Amino acid sequence: MKKLLNRVVNWKNGWAGKLAVRTEAVVLRLARPLQNQNGATIVEILGYALIAVLAIVVVWGLIKGWLPTFWQSITGRLDNLS
């Protein structure tokens, strides 16, 4: 009986190990298209692009003068709510 139990336990452990390896391989295969050659993911690239666009809009708004008036209109509306 002990031999049978050991076989079942070994089979289960082997099966769980194979499942873990296969799951890891599938996850890596799915993540590979989301990386460029240097290893940066699309999410990182889009995040940095969004930060750059935000910085450009803030600088442009300060130069053109519409950002301070926009900010005052927002804070004025918030003051009216209280």
PDB file of N, CA and C in Angstrom:
ATOM      1  N   MET A   1       0.819  -1.196   0.000  1.00  0.00           N
ATOM      2  CA  MET A   1       0.000   0.000   0.000  1.00  0.00           C
ATOM      3  C   MET A   1       0.865   1.262   0.000  1.00  0.00           C
ATOM      4  N   LYS A   2       1.984   1.210   0.724  1.00  0.00           N
ATOM      5  CA  LYS A   2       2.858   2.373   0.797  1.00  0.00           C
ATOM      6  C   LYS A   2       3.478   2.674  -0.563  1.00  0.00           C
ATOM      7  N   LYS A   3       3.822   1.627  -1.332  1.00  0.00           N
ATOM      8  CA  LYS A   3       4.383   1.832  -2.672  1.00  0.00           C
ATOM      9  C   LYS A   3       3.371   2.519  -3.577  1.00  0.00           C
ATOM     10  N   LEU A   4       2.134   2.065  -3.489  1.00  0.00           N
ATOM     11  CA  LEU A   4       1.085   2.664  -4.312  1.00  0.00           C
ATOM     12  C   LEU A   4       0.883   4.135  -3.938  1.00  0.00           C
ATOM     13  N   LEU A   5       0.875   4.405  -2.639  1.00  0.00           N
ATOM     14  CA  LEU A   5       0.716   5.778  -2.189  1.00  0.00           C
ATOM     15  C   LEU A   5       1.882   6.645  -2.656  1.00  0.00           C
ATOM     16  N   ASN A   6       3.099   6.126  -2.583  1.00  0.00           N
ATOM     17  CA  ASN A   6       4.266   6.872  -3.060  1.00  0.00           C
ATOM     18  C   ASN A   6       4.186   7.135  -4.559  1.00  0.00           C
ATOM     19  N   ARG A   7       3.713   6.151  -5.317  1.00  0.00           N
ATOM     20  CA  ARG A   7       3.566   6.344  -6.767  1.00  0.00           C
ATOM     21  C   ARG A   7       2.559   7.444  -7.079  1.00  0.00           C
ATOM     22  N   VAL A   8       1.439   7.417  -6.350  1.00  0.00           N
ATOM     23  CA  VAL A   8       0.410   8.432  -6.578  1.00  0.00           C
ATOM     24  C   VAL A   8       0.946   9.819  -6.219  1.00  0.00           C
ATOM     25  N   VAL A   9       1.649   9.927  -5.094  1.00  0.00           N
ATOM     26  CA  VAL A   9       2.204  11.212  -4.674  1.00  0.00           C
ATOM     27  C   VAL A   9       3.245  11.688  -5.674  1.00  0.00           C
ATOM     28  N   ASN A  10       4.120  10.805  -6.113  1.00  0.00           N
ATOM     29  CA  ASN A  10       5.143  11.179  -7.097  1.00  0.00           C
ATOM     30  C   ASN A  10       4.506  11.597  -8.417  1.00  0.00           C
ATOM     31  N   TRP A  11       3.472  10.876  -8.843  1.00  0.00           N
ATOM     32  CA  TRP A  11       2.788  11.230 -10.084  1.00  0.00           C
ATOM     33  C   TRP A  11       2.152  12.613  -9.957  1.00  0.00           C
ATOM     34  N   LYS A  12       1.503  12.867  -8.794  1.00  0.00           N
ATOM     35  CA  LYS A  12       0.861  14.165  -8.571  1.00  0.00           C
ATOM     36  C   LYS A  12       1.897  15.284  -8.553  1.00  0.00           C
ATOM     37  N   ASN A  13       3.012  15.076  -7.866  1.00  0.00           N
ATOM     38  CA  ASN A  13       4.053  16.102  -7.810  1.00  0.00           C
ATOM     39  C   ASN A  13       4.666  16.345  -9.185  1.00  0.00           C
ATOM     40  N   GLY A  14       4.869  15.295  -9.943  1.00  0.00           N
ATOM     41  CA  GLY A  14       5.397  15.449 -11.295  1.00  0.00           C
ATOM     42  C   GLY A  14       4.432  16.187 -12.194  1.00  0.00           C
ATOM     43  N   TRP A  15       3.150  15.865 -12.060  1.00  0.00           N
ATOM     44  CA  TRP A  15       2.127  16.527 -12.859  1.00  0.00           C
ATOM     45  C   TRP A  15       2.039  18.004 -12.502  1.00  0.00           C
ATOM     46  N   ALA A  16       2.114  18.325 -11.201  1.00  0.00           N
ATOM     47  CA  ALA A  16       2.048  19.723 -10.772  1.00  0.00           C
ATOM     48  C   ALA A  16       3.261  20.496 -11.278  1.00  0.00           C
ATOM     49  N   GLY A  17       4.429  19.868 -11.254  1.00  0.00           N
ATOM     50  CA  GLY A  17       5.634  20.525 -11.763  1.00  0.00           C
ATOM     51  C   GLY A  17       5.541  20.796 -13.253  1.00  0.00           C
ATOM     52  N   LYS A  18       5.038  19.809 -13.996  1.00  0.00           N
ATOM     53  CA  LYS A  18       4.880  19.997 -15.444  1.00  0.00           C
ATOM     54  C   LYS A  18       3.871  21.102 -15.739  1.00  0.00           C
ATOM     55  N   LEU A  19       2.804  21.146 -14.957  1.00  0.00           N
ATOM     56  CA  LEU A  19       1.800  22.191 -15.151  1.00  0.00           C
ATOM     57  C   LEU A  19       2.398  23.570 -14.883  1.00  0.00           C
ATOM     58  N   ALA A  20       3.218  23.677 -13.842  1.00  0.00           N
ATOM     59  CA  ALA A  20       3.847  24.960 -13.529  1.00  0.00           C
ATOM     60  C   ALA A  20       4.784  25.395 -14.647  1.00  0.00           C
ATOM     61  N   VAL A  21       5.554  24.459 -15.182  1.00  0.00           N
ATOM     62  CA  VAL A  21       6.485  24.787 -16.268  1.00  0.00           C
ATOM     63  C   VAL A  21       5.717  25.206 -17.513  1.00  0.00           C
ATOM     64  N   ARG A  22       4.654  24.488 -17.827  1.00  0.00           N
ATOM     65  CA  ARG A  22       3.863  24.831 -19.014  1.00  0.00           C
ATOM     66  C   ARG A  22       3.163  26.176 -18.845  1.00  0.00           C
ATOM     67  N   THR A  23       2.657  26.438 -17.647  1.00  0.00           N
ATOM     68  CA  THR A  23       2.005  27.723 -17.394  1.00  0.00           C
ATOM     69  C   THR A  23       2.998  28.866 -17.541  1.00  0.00           C
ATOM     70  N   GLU A  24       4.201  28.674 -17.006  1.00  0.00           N
ATOM     71  CA  GLU A  24       5.229  29.706 -17.129  1.00  0.00           C
ATOM     72  C   GLU A  24       5.599  29.936 -18.589  1.00  0.00           C
ATOM     73  N   ALA A  25       5.690  28.862 -19.361  1.00  0.00           N
ATOM     74  CA  ALA A  25       6.030  28.997 -20.777  1.00  0.00           C
ATOM     75  C   ALA A  25       4.943  29.759 -21.533  1.00  0.00           C
ATOM     76  N   VAL A  26       3.691  29.475 -21.221  1.00  0.00           N
ATOM     77  CA  VAL A  26       2.583  30.164 -21.895  1.00  0.00           C
ATOM     78  C   VAL A  26       2.579  31.647 -21.532  1.00  0.00           C
ATOM     79  N   VAL A  27       2.808  31.956 -20.258  1.00  0.00           N
ATOM     80  CA  VAL A  27       2.827  33.361 -19.833  1.00  0.00           C
ATOM     81  C   VAL A  27       3.968  34.105 -20.510  1.00  0.00           C
ATOM     82  N   LEU A  28       5.138  33.486 -20.572  1.00  0.00           N
ATOM     83  CA  LEU A  28       6.268  34.134 -21.235  1.00  0.00           C
ATOM     84  C   LEU A  28       6.009  34.312 -22.727  1.00  0.00           C
ATOM     85  N   ARG A  29       5.361  33.341 -23.340  1.00  0.00           N
ATOM     86  CA  ARG A  29       5.052  33.441 -24.763  1.00  0.00           C
ATOM     87  C   ARG A  29       4.042  34.552 -25.025  1.00  0.00           C
ATOM     88  N   LEU A  30       3.096  34.738 -24.106  1.00  0.00           N
ATOM     89  CA  LEU A  30       2.114  35.806 -24.274  1.00  0.00           C
ATOM     90  C   LEU A  30       2.718  37.176 -23.997  1.00  0.00           C
ATOM     91  N   ALA A  31       3.696  37.247 -23.100  1.00  0.00           N
ATOM     92  CA  ALA A  31       4.299  38.533 -22.744  1.00  0.00           C
ATOM     93  C   ALA A  31       5.356  38.966 -23.748  1.00  0.00           C
ATOM     94  N   ARG A  32       5.894  38.051 -24.515  1.00  0.00           N
ATOM     95  CA  ARG A  32       6.972  38.383 -25.448  1.00  0.00           C
ATOM     96  C   ARG A  32       6.584  39.436 -26.482  1.00  0.00           C
ATOM     97  N   PRO A  33       5.395  39.395 -27.081  1.00  0.00           N
ATOM     98  CA  PRO A  33       5.058  40.449 -28.058  1.00  0.00           C
ATOM     99  C   PRO A  33       4.897  41.825 -27.423  1.00  0.00           C
ATOM    100  N   LEU A  34       4.732  41.889 -26.105  1.00  0.00           N
ATOM    101  CA  LEU A  34       4.563  43.173 -25.438  1.00  0.00           C
ATOM    102  C   LEU A  34       5.889  43.827 -25.096  1.00  0.00           C
ATOM    103  N   GLN A  35       7.006  43.236 -25.532  1.00  0.00           N
ATOM    104  CA  GLN A  35       8.317  43.801 -25.245  1.00  0.00           C
ATOM    105  C   GLN A  35       9.040  44.099 -26.546  1.00  0.00           C
ATOM    106  N   ASN A  36       9.802  45.194 -26.530  1.00  0.00           N
ATOM    107  CA  ASN A  36      10.629  45.475 -27.692  1.00  0.00           C
ATOM    108  C   ASN A  36      11.989  44.812 -27.501  1.00  0.00           C
ATOM    109  N   GLN A  37      12.937  45.086 -28.357  1.00  0.00           N
ATOM    110  CA  GLN A  37      14.222  44.396 -28.299  1.00  0.00           C
ATOM    111  C   GLN A  37      15.004  44.729 -27.041  1.00  0.00           C
ATOM    112  N   ASN A  38      14.806  45.898 -26.479  1.00  0.00           N
ATOM    113  CA  ASN A  38      15.534  46.283 -25.273  1.00  0.00           C
ATOM    114  C   ASN A  38      14.852  45.793 -24.008  1.00  0.00           C
ATOM    115  N   GLY A  39      13.682  45.190 -24.118  1.00  0.00           N
ATOM    116  CA  GLY A  39      12.996  44.633 -22.962  1.00  0.00           C
ATOM    117  C   GLY A  39      11.947  45.530 -22.346  1.00  0.00           C
ATOM    118  N   ALA A  40      11.737  46.726 -22.883  1.00  0.00           N
ATOM    119  CA  ALA A  40      10.714  47.622 -22.340  1.00  0.00           C
ATOM    120  C   ALA A  40       9.342  47.171 -22.829  1.00  0.00           C
ATOM    121  N   THR A  41       8.373  47.187 -21.952  1.00  0.00           N
ATOM    122  CA  THR A  41       7.036  46.773 -22.340  1.00  0.00           C
ATOM    123  C   THR A  41       6.287  47.939 -22.971  1.00  0.00           C
ATOM    124  N   ILE A  42       5.214  47.617 -23.645  1.00  0.00           N
ATOM    125  CA  ILE A  42       4.393  48.634 -24.294  1.00  0.00           C
ATOM    126  C   ILE A  42       3.794  49.571 -23.246  1.00  0.00           C
ATOM    127  N   VAL A  43       3.453  49.028 -22.080  1.00  0.00           N
ATOM    128  CA  VAL A  43       2.874  49.852 -21.017  1.00  0.00           C
ATOM    129  C   VAL A  43       3.875  50.906 -20.560  1.00  0.00           C
ATOM    130  N   GLU A  44       5.143  50.527 -20.408  1.00  0.00           N
ATOM    131  CA  GLU A  44       6.164  51.500 -20.014  1.00  0.00           C
ATOM    132  C   GLU A  44       6.337  52.572 -21.078  1.00  0.00           C
ATOM    133  N   ILE A  45       6.386  52.155 -22.341  1.00  0.00           N
ATOM    134  CA  ILE A  45       6.571  53.104 -23.442  1.00  0.00           C
ATOM    135  C   ILE A  45       5.398  54.077 -23.503  1.00  0.00           C
ATOM    136  N   LEU A  46       4.166  53.558 -23.390  1.00  0.00           N
ATOM    137  CA  LEU A  46       2.994  54.432 -23.427  1.00  0.00           C
ATOM    138  C   LEU A  46       2.942  55.348 -22.210  1.00  0.00           C
ATOM    139  N   GLY A  47       3.389  54.855 -21.066  1.00  0.00           N
ATOM    140  CA  GLY A  47       3.418  55.690 -19.866  1.00  0.00           C
ATOM    141  C   GLY A  47       4.360  56.865 -20.018  1.00  0.00           C
ATOM    142  N   TYR A  48       5.563  56.595 -20.513  1.00  0.00           N
ATOM    143  CA  TYR A  48       6.518  57.688 -20.720  1.00  0.00           C
ATOM    144  C   TYR A  48       6.029  58.648 -21.805  1.00  0.00           C
ATOM    145  N   ALA A  49       5.378  58.129 -22.831  1.00  0.00           N
ATOM    146  CA  ALA A  49       4.832  59.004 -23.873  1.00  0.00           C
ATOM    147  C   ALA A  49       3.731  59.893 -23.301  1.00  0.00           C
ATOM    148  N   LEU A  50       2.893  59.340 -22.430  1.00  0.00           N
ATOM    149  CA  LEU A  50       1.833  60.131 -21.806  1.00  0.00           C
ATOM    150  C   LEU A  50       2.411  61.227 -20.916  1.00  0.00           C
ATOM    151  N   ILE A  51       3.461  60.909 -20.173  1.00  0.00           N
ATOM    152  CA  ILE A  51       4.114  61.926 -19.340  1.00  0.00           C
ATOM    153  C   ILE A  51       4.712  63.031 -20.208  1.00  0.00           C
ATOM    154  N   ALA A  52       5.323  62.658 -21.340  1.00  0.00           N
ATOM    155  CA  ALA A  52       5.910  63.655 -22.237  1.00  0.00           C
ATOM    156  C   ALA A  52       4.829  64.558 -22.828  1.00  0.00           C
ATOM    157  N   VAL A  53       3.714  63.985 -23.242  1.00  0.00           N
ATOM    158  CA  VAL A  53       2.618  64.784 -23.802  1.00  0.00           C
ATOM    159  C   VAL A  53       2.047  65.716 -22.739  1.00  0.00           C
ATOM    160  N   LEU A  54       1.901  65.221 -21.524  1.00  0.00           N
ATOM    161  CA  LEU A  54       1.397  66.064 -20.444  1.00  0.00           C
ATOM    162  C   LEU A  54       2.333  67.238 -20.172  1.00  0.00           C
ATOM    163  N   ALA A  55       3.625  66.980 -20.185  1.00  0.00           N
ATOM    164  CA  ALA A  55       4.597  68.060 -19.970  1.00  0.00           C
ATOM    165  C   ALA A  55       4.516  69.089 -21.090  1.00  0.00           C
ATOM    166  N   ILE A  56       4.376  68.636 -22.327  1.00  0.00           N
ATOM    167  CA  ILE A  56       4.270  69.555 -23.466  1.00  0.00           C
ATOM    168  C   ILE A  56       3.012  70.410 -23.350  1.00  0.00           C
ATOM    169  N   VAL A  57       1.887  69.802 -22.962  1.00  0.00           N
ATOM    170  CA  VAL A  57       0.636  70.549 -22.826  1.00  0.00           C
ATOM    171  C   VAL A  57       0.740  71.581 -21.707  1.00  0.00           C
ATOM    172  N   VAL A  58       1.376  71.215 -20.592  1.00  0.00           N
ATOM    173  CA  VAL A  58       1.523  72.167 -19.485  1.00  0.00           C
ATOM    174  C   VAL A  58       2.393  73.348 -19.903  1.00  0.00           C
ATOM    175  N   VAL A  59       3.502  73.078 -20.556  1.00  0.00           N
ATOM    176  CA  VAL A  59       4.386  74.165 -21.000  1.00  0.00           C
ATOM    177  C   VAL A  59       3.674  75.036 -22.021  1.00  0.00           C
ATOM    178  N   TRP A  60       2.976  74.425 -22.958  1.00  0.00           N
ATOM    179  CA  TRP A  60       2.247  75.183 -23.981  1.00  0.00           C
ATOM    180  C   TRP A  60       1.152  76.034 -23.341  1.00  0.00           C
ATOM    181  N   GLY A  61       0.454  75.466 -22.353  1.00  0.00           N
ATOM    182  CA  GLY A  61      -0.594  76.218 -21.662  1.00  0.00           C
ATOM    183  C   GLY A  61      -0.044  77.395 -20.886  1.00  0.00           C
ATOM    184  N   LEU A  62       1.130  77.221 -20.293  1.00  0.00           N
ATOM    185  CA  LEU A  62       1.743  78.338 -19.572  1.00  0.00           C
ATOM    186  C   LEU A  62       2.219  79.421 -20.528  1.00  0.00           C
ATOM    187  N   ILE A  63       2.758  79.015 -21.676  1.00  0.00           N
ATOM    188  CA  ILE A  63       3.242  79.999 -22.653  1.00  0.00           C
ATOM    189  C   ILE A  63       2.068  80.773 -23.256  1.00  0.00           C
ATOM    190  N   LYS A  64       1.020  80.085 -23.645  1.00  0.00           N
ATOM    191  CA  LYS A  64      -0.129  80.742 -24.272  1.00  0.00           C
ATOM    192  C   LYS A  64      -1.004  81.483 -23.260  1.00  0.00           C
ATOM    193  N   GLY A  65      -0.928  81.113 -21.998  1.00  0.00           N
ATOM    194  CA  GLY A  65      -1.678  81.819 -20.974  1.00  0.00           C
ATOM    195  C   GLY A  65      -3.033  81.243 -20.640  1.00  0.00           C
ATOM    196  N   TRP A  66      -3.454  80.169 -21.264  1.00  0.00           N
ATOM    197  CA  TRP A  66      -4.772  79.633 -20.973  1.00  0.00           C
ATOM    198  C   TRP A  66      -4.771  78.700 -19.765  1.00  0.00           C
ATOM    199  N   LEU A  67      -3.621  78.188 -19.374  1.00  0.00           N
ATOM    200  CA  LEU A  67      -3.584  77.257 -18.246  1.00  0.00           C
ATOM    201  C   LEU A  67      -3.908  77.937 -16.908  1.00  0.00           C
ATOM    202  N   PRO A  68      -3.360  79.122 -16.609  1.00  0.00           N
ATOM    203  CA  PRO A  68      -3.734  79.760 -15.332  1.00  0.00           C
ATOM    204  C   PRO A  68      -5.218  80.111 -15.243  1.00  0.00           C
ATOM    205  N   THR A  69      -5.796  80.598 -16.344  1.00  0.00           N
ATOM    206  CA  THR A  69      -7.230  80.924 -16.301  1.00  0.00           C
ATOM    207  C   THR A  69      -8.069  79.656 -16.171  1.00  0.00           C
ATOM    208  N   PHE A  70      -7.641  78.595 -16.814  1.00  0.00           N
ATOM    209  CA  PHE A  70      -8.337  77.311 -16.698  1.00  0.00           C
ATOM    210  C   PHE A  70      -8.275  76.815 -15.256  1.00  0.00           C
ATOM    211  N   TRP A  71      -7.114  76.932 -14.636  1.00  0.00           N
ATOM    212  CA  TRP A  71      -6.941  76.493 -13.250  1.00  0.00           C
ATOM    213  C   TRP A  71      -7.802  77.341 -12.303  1.00  0.00           C
ATOM    214  N   GLN A  72      -7.868  78.645 -12.574  1.00  0.00           N
ATOM    215  CA  GLN A  72      -8.685  79.518 -11.725  1.00  0.00           C
ATOM    216  C   GLN A  72     -10.168  79.199 -11.866  1.00  0.00           C
ATOM    217  N   SER A  73     -10.593  78.848 -13.067  1.00  0.00           N
ATOM    218  CA  SER A  73     -12.007  78.504 -13.242  1.00  0.00           C
ATOM    219  C   SER A  73     -12.347  77.205 -12.511  1.00  0.00           C
ATOM    220  N   ILE A  74     -11.419  76.259 -12.506  1.00  0.00           N
ATOM    221  CA  ILE A  74     -11.662  75.003 -11.789  1.00  0.00           C
ATOM    222  C   ILE A  74     -11.709  75.256 -10.284  1.00  0.00           C
ATOM    223  N   THR A  75     -10.724  75.974  -9.769  1.00  0.00           N
ATOM    224  CA  THR A  75     -10.696  76.221  -8.323  1.00  0.00           C
ATOM    225  C   THR A  75     -11.837  77.129  -7.895  1.00  0.00           C
ATOM    226  N   GLY A  76     -12.268  78.041  -8.763  1.00  0.00           N
ATOM    227  CA  GLY A  76     -13.418  78.883  -8.441  1.00  0.00           C
ATOM    228  C   GLY A  76     -14.690  78.066  -8.325  1.00  0.00           C
ATOM    229  N   ARG A  77     -14.873  77.105  -9.203  1.00  0.00           N
ATOM    230  CA  ARG A  77     -16.047  76.234  -9.126  1.00  0.00           C
ATOM    231  C   ARG A  77     -16.001  75.366  -7.876  1.00  0.00           C
ATOM    232  N   LEU A  78     -14.809  74.926  -7.509  1.00  0.00           N
ATOM    233  CA  LEU A  78     -14.685  74.130  -6.288  1.00  0.00           C
ATOM    234  C   LEU A  78     -14.993  74.973  -5.052  1.00  0.00           C
ATOM    235  N   ASP A  79     -14.594  76.248  -5.080  1.00  0.00           N
ATOM    236  CA  ASP A  79     -14.910  77.131  -3.951  1.00  0.00           C
ATOM    237  C   ASP A  79     -16.410  77.370  -3.845  1.00  0.00           C
ATOM    238  N   ASN A  80     -17.092  77.435  -4.973  1.00  0.00           N
ATOM    239  CA  ASN A  80     -18.539  77.654  -4.961  1.00  0.00           C
ATOM    240  C   ASN A  80     -19.290  76.436  -4.432  1.00  0.00           C
ATOM    241  N   LEU A  81     -18.692  75.257  -4.540  1.00  0.00           N
ATOM    242  CA  LEU A  81     -19.355  74.053  -4.051  1.00  0.00           C
ATOM    243  C   LEU A  81     -19.379  73.991  -2.529  1.00  0.00           C
ATOM    244  N   SER A  82     -18.406  74.604  -1.897  1.00  0.00           N
ATOM    245  CA  SER A  82     -18.342  74.507  -0.425  1.00  0.00           C
ATOM    246  C   SER A  82     -19.141  75.589   0.270  1.00  0.00           C
TER     247      SER A  82
END
